[in-house]
N, C-alpha and C. Protein backbone atom coordinates (compact mmCIF):
# COMPACT_ATOMS: atom_id res chain seq x y z
N MET A 1 -23.86 -6.99 -12.55
CA MET A 1 -23.20 -6.65 -14.09
C MET A 1 -24.87 -6.17 -15.06
N LYS A 2 -24.55 -4.68 -15.56
CA LYS A 2 -25.96 -4.62 -16.91
C LYS A 2 -25.70 -4.28 -18.02
N THR A 3 -25.63 -4.70 -19.36
CA THR A 3 -25.11 -4.34 -20.63
C THR A 3 -26.00 -3.63 -21.37
N ILE A 4 -25.57 -2.51 -21.63
CA ILE A 4 -25.67 -1.66 -22.96
C ILE A 4 -25.26 -1.71 -24.13
N LEU A 5 -26.05 -2.19 -25.39
CA LEU A 5 -25.79 -2.37 -26.45
C LEU A 5 -26.15 -1.07 -27.39
N PHE A 6 -25.39 0.04 -27.99
CA PHE A 6 -25.55 1.10 -28.63
C PHE A 6 -25.58 0.73 -29.99
N VAL A 7 -25.97 0.66 -31.24
CA VAL A 7 -25.57 0.45 -32.85
C VAL A 7 -26.12 1.72 -32.98
N ILE A 8 -25.25 2.50 -34.14
CA ILE A 8 -25.11 3.19 -34.47
C ILE A 8 -25.31 3.46 -36.03
N ASN A 9 -25.84 4.10 -36.91
CA ASN A 9 -26.04 3.94 -38.51
C ASN A 9 -25.64 4.90 -38.84
N ASP A 10 -25.58 6.00 -38.81
CA ASP A 10 -25.85 7.13 -39.22
C ASP A 10 -24.49 7.78 -39.87
N PRO A 11 -24.07 8.65 -40.55
CA PRO A 11 -22.56 8.97 -40.99
C PRO A 11 -21.72 9.83 -39.83
N PRO A 12 -20.85 9.97 -39.74
CA PRO A 12 -20.10 10.62 -38.78
C PRO A 12 -20.43 12.18 -38.21
N TYR A 13 -20.54 12.69 -39.35
CA TYR A 13 -20.31 13.87 -39.64
C TYR A 13 -22.04 14.34 -40.51
N GLY A 14 -22.90 15.47 -40.51
CA GLY A 14 -23.45 15.86 -41.09
C GLY A 14 -25.16 16.11 -40.51
N THR A 15 -24.96 15.00 -39.54
CA THR A 15 -26.32 15.25 -38.69
C THR A 15 -25.15 14.67 -37.39
N GLU A 16 -25.85 14.70 -36.08
CA GLU A 16 -25.43 14.51 -34.59
C GLU A 16 -25.63 13.61 -34.01
N ARG A 17 -26.55 12.31 -35.04
CA ARG A 17 -26.73 11.22 -34.13
C ARG A 17 -25.64 10.65 -33.82
N ALA A 18 -24.47 10.19 -34.28
CA ALA A 18 -23.51 9.65 -33.77
C ALA A 18 -22.60 10.42 -32.94
N TYR A 19 -22.53 11.29 -33.17
CA TYR A 19 -22.19 12.53 -31.74
C TYR A 19 -23.03 12.33 -30.68
N ASN A 20 -24.31 12.32 -30.72
CA ASN A 20 -25.14 11.75 -29.38
C ASN A 20 -25.21 10.72 -29.04
N ALA A 21 -25.22 9.36 -29.70
CA ALA A 21 -24.53 8.44 -29.09
C ALA A 21 -23.51 8.26 -28.93
N LEU A 22 -22.68 8.54 -29.11
CA LEU A 22 -20.99 8.45 -28.89
C LEU A 22 -21.09 9.12 -27.04
N ARG A 23 -21.52 10.26 -27.22
CA ARG A 23 -21.99 11.01 -25.69
C ARG A 23 -22.69 10.28 -24.60
N HIS A 24 -23.51 9.60 -24.87
CA HIS A 24 -24.37 8.63 -24.42
C HIS A 24 -24.12 7.70 -24.08
N ALA A 25 -23.26 7.27 -24.86
CA ALA A 25 -22.18 5.74 -24.42
C ALA A 25 -21.42 6.09 -23.77
N HIS A 26 -20.32 7.20 -23.54
CA HIS A 26 -19.20 7.60 -23.11
C HIS A 26 -19.94 7.81 -21.07
N ALA A 27 -21.14 8.45 -21.40
CA ALA A 27 -21.93 8.76 -20.16
C ALA A 27 -22.17 7.21 -19.61
N MET A 28 -22.75 6.69 -20.05
CA MET A 28 -22.60 4.87 -19.42
C MET A 28 -21.65 4.28 -19.30
N THR A 29 -20.18 4.42 -19.40
CA THR A 29 -19.28 4.04 -19.35
C THR A 29 -19.52 4.22 -17.71
N ARG A 30 -19.38 5.54 -17.61
CA ARG A 30 -19.16 5.67 -15.94
C ARG A 30 -20.13 5.12 -14.90
N HIS A 31 -21.11 4.65 -15.32
CA HIS A 31 -21.78 3.76 -14.14
C HIS A 31 -20.96 2.52 -13.88
N PRO A 32 -21.11 2.76 -12.67
CA PRO A 32 -20.15 1.18 -12.31
C PRO A 32 -21.21 -0.02 -12.72
N GLN A 33 -20.80 -1.18 -12.79
CA GLN A 33 -21.25 -1.98 -12.87
C GLN A 33 -22.22 -2.15 -14.01
N THR A 34 -21.83 -1.41 -15.16
CA THR A 34 -22.34 -1.04 -16.57
C THR A 34 -21.44 -1.72 -17.47
N THR A 35 -21.77 -2.61 -18.34
CA THR A 35 -20.62 -2.68 -19.51
C THR A 35 -21.30 -2.03 -20.87
N VAL A 36 -20.67 -1.66 -21.69
CA VAL A 36 -20.93 -0.85 -23.21
C VAL A 36 -20.36 -1.38 -23.91
N LYS A 37 -21.52 -1.94 -24.75
CA LYS A 37 -20.76 -1.99 -26.40
C LYS A 37 -21.68 -1.50 -27.62
N VAL A 38 -20.73 -1.30 -28.65
CA VAL A 38 -21.26 -0.11 -29.84
C VAL A 38 -20.97 -0.71 -31.10
N PHE A 39 -22.06 -0.86 -31.40
CA PHE A 39 -21.51 -1.35 -33.28
C PHE A 39 -22.02 0.09 -34.45
N PHE A 40 -20.86 0.03 -35.28
CA PHE A 40 -20.73 0.92 -35.90
C PHE A 40 -21.60 0.07 -37.02
N MET A 41 -23.19 0.54 -37.63
CA MET A 41 -23.30 0.40 -39.15
C MET A 41 -23.08 0.81 -40.49
N ALA A 42 -23.75 0.20 -41.22
CA ALA A 42 -24.13 1.42 -42.31
C ALA A 42 -22.89 2.34 -42.63
N ASP A 43 -23.45 3.73 -43.37
CA ASP A 43 -22.52 4.59 -42.72
C ASP A 43 -21.83 5.12 -41.68
N ALA A 44 -22.01 4.54 -40.57
CA ALA A 44 -21.65 5.17 -39.10
C ALA A 44 -20.28 4.00 -39.04
N VAL A 45 -19.69 3.45 -40.12
CA VAL A 45 -18.63 2.68 -40.31
C VAL A 45 -17.25 3.83 -40.36
N GLN A 46 -18.24 4.61 -40.84
CA GLN A 46 -17.14 6.05 -41.35
C GLN A 46 -16.76 6.27 -39.99
N CYS A 47 -17.33 6.37 -38.87
CA CYS A 47 -17.31 7.10 -37.36
C CYS A 47 -16.13 6.71 -37.18
N ALA A 48 -15.56 5.62 -37.25
CA ALA A 48 -14.61 4.94 -36.58
C ALA A 48 -13.17 4.79 -37.50
N ARG A 49 -13.26 5.22 -38.54
CA ARG A 49 -11.76 5.70 -39.50
C ARG A 49 -10.40 6.41 -38.76
N ARG A 50 -9.98 6.11 -38.77
CA ARG A 50 -8.83 7.33 -37.57
C ARG A 50 -8.43 7.54 -38.79
N GLY A 51 -7.39 9.27 -37.77
CA GLY A 51 -6.83 10.07 -38.59
C GLY A 51 -7.74 11.16 -39.05
N GLN A 52 -9.33 11.19 -38.29
CA GLN A 52 -10.26 12.30 -38.46
C GLN A 52 -9.46 13.98 -38.17
N LEU A 53 -9.64 14.86 -38.93
CA LEU A 53 -8.65 15.98 -38.93
C LEU A 53 -10.16 16.96 -39.05
N THR A 54 -11.13 17.45 -38.07
CA THR A 54 -12.25 18.69 -38.08
C THR A 54 -11.37 20.14 -37.28
N PRO A 55 -12.59 20.95 -37.95
CA PRO A 55 -11.89 22.24 -37.72
C PRO A 55 -11.88 22.51 -36.39
N ARG A 56 -10.70 23.21 -35.79
CA ARG A 56 -10.59 23.80 -34.28
C ARG A 56 -12.34 23.79 -33.67
N GLY A 57 -12.38 23.61 -32.43
CA GLY A 57 -13.71 24.15 -32.02
C GLY A 57 -14.85 23.14 -32.41
N TYR A 58 -14.33 22.38 -33.26
CA TYR A 58 -15.85 21.02 -33.92
C TYR A 58 -15.48 19.51 -33.53
N TYR A 59 -16.57 18.79 -33.11
CA TYR A 59 -16.10 17.59 -31.96
C TYR A 59 -15.74 16.82 -33.15
N ASN A 60 -15.08 15.43 -32.39
CA ASN A 60 -14.26 15.28 -33.14
C ASN A 60 -14.27 13.57 -32.72
N LEU A 61 -15.10 12.66 -33.62
CA LEU A 61 -15.61 11.43 -32.95
C LEU A 61 -14.51 10.25 -32.94
N GLU A 62 -13.24 10.62 -33.45
CA GLU A 62 -12.24 10.34 -33.23
C GLU A 62 -11.47 9.58 -31.77
N ARG A 63 -11.22 11.14 -31.33
CA ARG A 63 -11.41 11.18 -30.06
C ARG A 63 -12.40 10.87 -29.10
N MET A 64 -13.78 11.18 -29.13
CA MET A 64 -14.68 10.41 -28.75
C MET A 64 -15.01 9.21 -27.91
N ILE A 65 -14.32 8.66 -29.51
CA ILE A 65 -14.31 7.01 -29.60
C ILE A 65 -13.26 6.13 -28.81
N LEU A 66 -12.03 7.12 -28.82
CA LEU A 66 -11.03 6.64 -27.66
C LEU A 66 -11.36 7.03 -26.45
N ALA A 67 -12.05 7.78 -26.10
CA ALA A 67 -11.98 8.18 -24.46
C ALA A 67 -13.19 7.18 -23.89
N THR A 68 -14.45 6.80 -25.18
CA THR A 68 -14.85 5.89 -24.54
C THR A 68 -14.64 4.45 -24.40
N LEU A 69 -13.32 3.92 -25.59
CA LEU A 69 -12.69 2.35 -25.13
C LEU A 69 -11.60 2.78 -24.12
N ARG A 70 -11.28 3.96 -23.81
CA ARG A 70 -10.14 3.52 -22.39
C ARG A 70 -11.30 3.75 -21.47
N GLN A 71 -12.43 4.15 -21.25
CA GLN A 71 -13.97 3.71 -20.01
C GLN A 71 -13.80 2.27 -20.07
N GLY A 72 -13.40 1.14 -21.42
CA GLY A 72 -13.67 0.25 -21.03
C GLY A 72 -14.69 -1.05 -22.34
N ALA A 73 -15.25 0.96 -22.67
CA ALA A 73 -16.60 0.06 -23.92
C ALA A 73 -15.68 -0.75 -25.11
N GLU A 74 -16.82 -1.78 -25.17
CA GLU A 74 -16.25 -2.44 -26.82
C GLU A 74 -16.46 -2.15 -27.60
N MET A 75 -16.08 -2.41 -28.97
CA MET A 75 -16.57 -1.48 -30.47
C MET A 75 -16.50 -2.55 -31.51
N GLY A 76 -17.35 -2.71 -31.95
CA GLY A 76 -17.16 -3.45 -33.70
C GLY A 76 -18.08 -2.39 -34.67
N ALA A 77 -17.67 -2.90 -35.59
CA ALA A 77 -17.96 -2.22 -36.83
C ALA A 77 -18.83 -3.38 -38.19
N CYS A 78 -19.40 -3.36 -38.65
CA CYS A 78 -20.46 -4.08 -39.54
C CYS A 78 -19.56 -4.18 -40.71
N GLY A 79 -18.62 -5.98 -41.09
CA GLY A 79 -17.29 -6.13 -41.84
C GLY A 79 -18.15 -5.86 -43.31
N SER A 80 -19.79 -6.53 -43.20
CA SER A 80 -20.29 -6.16 -44.85
C SER A 80 -20.20 -4.15 -45.17
N CYS A 81 -20.85 -4.07 -44.49
CA CYS A 81 -20.61 -2.15 -44.17
C CYS A 81 -19.37 -1.63 -44.67
N MET A 82 -18.57 -2.73 -43.91
CA MET A 82 -16.80 -1.81 -44.41
C MET A 82 -16.28 -1.95 -45.91
N ASP A 83 -17.03 -3.13 -45.89
CA ASP A 83 -16.58 -3.85 -47.33
C ASP A 83 -17.44 -2.76 -48.62
N ALA A 84 -18.68 -2.75 -47.95
CA ALA A 84 -19.65 -1.96 -49.04
C ALA A 84 -18.96 0.05 -49.49
N ARG A 85 -18.43 0.33 -48.47
CA ARG A 85 -17.54 1.51 -48.49
C ARG A 85 -15.93 1.53 -48.58
N ALA A 86 -15.53 0.36 -48.65
CA ALA A 86 -13.98 0.35 -49.04
C ALA A 86 -13.42 0.87 -48.06
N VAL A 87 -13.76 0.48 -47.07
CA VAL A 87 -12.70 0.51 -45.45
C VAL A 87 -12.41 -0.63 -44.85
N GLY A 88 -10.82 -0.51 -45.14
CA GLY A 88 -10.26 -1.41 -44.74
C GLY A 88 -10.27 -1.74 -42.90
N GLU A 89 -9.79 -3.24 -42.69
CA GLU A 89 -9.67 -3.38 -41.42
C GLU A 89 -8.52 -1.71 -40.35
N ASP A 90 -7.32 -1.54 -41.67
CA ASP A 90 -6.12 -0.67 -41.07
C ASP A 90 -6.86 0.61 -40.95
N ALA A 91 -7.57 1.01 -41.59
CA ALA A 91 -8.24 1.97 -41.72
C ALA A 91 -9.21 2.55 -40.35
N LEU A 92 -9.48 1.62 -39.40
CA LEU A 92 -10.38 1.69 -38.14
C LEU A 92 -9.24 2.15 -36.97
N ILE A 93 -10.32 2.67 -36.16
CA ILE A 93 -9.19 3.30 -34.82
C ILE A 93 -8.88 2.16 -34.12
N GLU A 94 -7.82 2.06 -34.06
CA GLU A 94 -7.33 1.23 -32.80
C GLU A 94 -8.10 1.11 -31.66
N GLY A 95 -8.85 -0.33 -31.20
CA GLY A 95 -9.45 -0.87 -30.20
C GLY A 95 -11.35 -1.55 -30.89
N VAL A 96 -11.33 -0.57 -32.09
CA VAL A 96 -12.10 -1.02 -33.10
C VAL A 96 -12.51 -2.69 -33.94
N HIS A 97 -12.90 -3.21 -33.63
CA HIS A 97 -12.50 -4.48 -34.64
C HIS A 97 -13.66 -4.46 -35.81
N ARG A 98 -13.56 -5.52 -36.52
CA ARG A 98 -14.27 -5.76 -37.73
C ARG A 98 -14.64 -6.48 -37.50
N GLY A 99 -16.17 -6.17 -37.17
CA GLY A 99 -17.36 -7.25 -36.83
C GLY A 99 -18.39 -7.74 -37.90
N SER A 100 -19.46 -8.88 -37.58
CA SER A 100 -20.12 -9.32 -38.08
C SER A 100 -21.31 -9.12 -38.01
N MET A 101 -22.94 -9.69 -38.51
CA MET A 101 -24.15 -10.04 -37.99
C MET A 101 -24.17 -10.69 -37.21
N GLU A 102 -23.39 -11.88 -36.87
CA GLU A 102 -23.08 -13.15 -36.04
C GLU A 102 -22.93 -12.53 -34.69
N GLU A 103 -22.03 -11.64 -34.82
CA GLU A 103 -21.38 -10.70 -33.38
C GLU A 103 -22.88 -9.76 -32.68
N LEU A 104 -23.22 -9.39 -33.95
CA LEU A 104 -24.25 -8.55 -33.29
C LEU A 104 -25.41 -9.01 -32.82
N SER A 105 -25.59 -10.00 -33.61
CA SER A 105 -26.79 -10.86 -33.30
C SER A 105 -26.30 -11.58 -31.57
N LEU A 106 -24.99 -11.81 -31.55
CA LEU A 106 -24.78 -12.27 -29.87
C LEU A 106 -24.88 -11.11 -28.85
N TRP A 107 -24.56 -10.06 -29.09
CA TRP A 107 -24.44 -9.03 -28.42
C TRP A 107 -25.82 -8.54 -28.40
N THR A 108 -26.43 -8.61 -29.26
CA THR A 108 -28.40 -8.34 -29.18
C THR A 108 -28.86 -9.08 -27.82
N LEU A 109 -28.99 -10.47 -28.30
CA LEU A 109 -28.80 -11.08 -27.25
C LEU A 109 -28.80 -11.26 -25.54
N GLY A 110 -27.56 -10.82 -25.65
CA GLY A 110 -26.56 -10.41 -24.59
C GLY A 110 -26.77 -9.10 -23.48
N ALA A 111 -27.13 -8.33 -24.80
CA ALA A 111 -27.88 -7.08 -23.96
C ALA A 111 -28.79 -7.31 -23.21
N ASP A 112 -28.90 -6.41 -22.24
CA ASP A 112 -29.96 -6.00 -21.03
C ASP A 112 -30.94 -4.70 -21.83
N GLN A 113 -30.22 -3.75 -22.52
CA GLN A 113 -31.07 -2.89 -23.39
C GLN A 113 -30.33 -2.48 -24.72
N VAL A 114 -31.12 -2.53 -25.58
CA VAL A 114 -30.06 -2.06 -27.10
C VAL A 114 -31.00 -0.60 -27.11
N ILE A 115 -29.95 0.04 -27.56
CA ILE A 115 -30.42 1.88 -28.11
C ILE A 115 -29.73 1.57 -30.01
N VAL A 116 -30.86 2.10 -30.47
CA VAL A 116 -30.53 2.24 -32.01
C VAL A 116 -30.43 3.84 -32.06
N TYR A 117 -29.63 4.46 -32.40
CA TYR A 117 -29.46 5.84 -32.92
C TYR A 117 -28.74 5.75 -34.62
């Protein structure tokens, strides 16, 4: 089993880095014998907010996150980054948990590959 860790830093909209990171993570979940973990940091914690409404025809990160979770990915959001942006645990998409630097450290040590967006 190979473990891939994606660390996302950019905000959900305004750039396409978070979008591309989630596309990449979702694609990796389709490979057998691969474990995918995603950790949202800094402004990327906003990616994990539930209730996103985007214009018709525009990508929606909430739907992308839910699809990736359904494929078996594990996702966490930096707790101190959430606090700095007044994002409570109740605002997170179901399946994304409040994480910590300790958790990110353990995920990093256990990963075969770390990809930072």
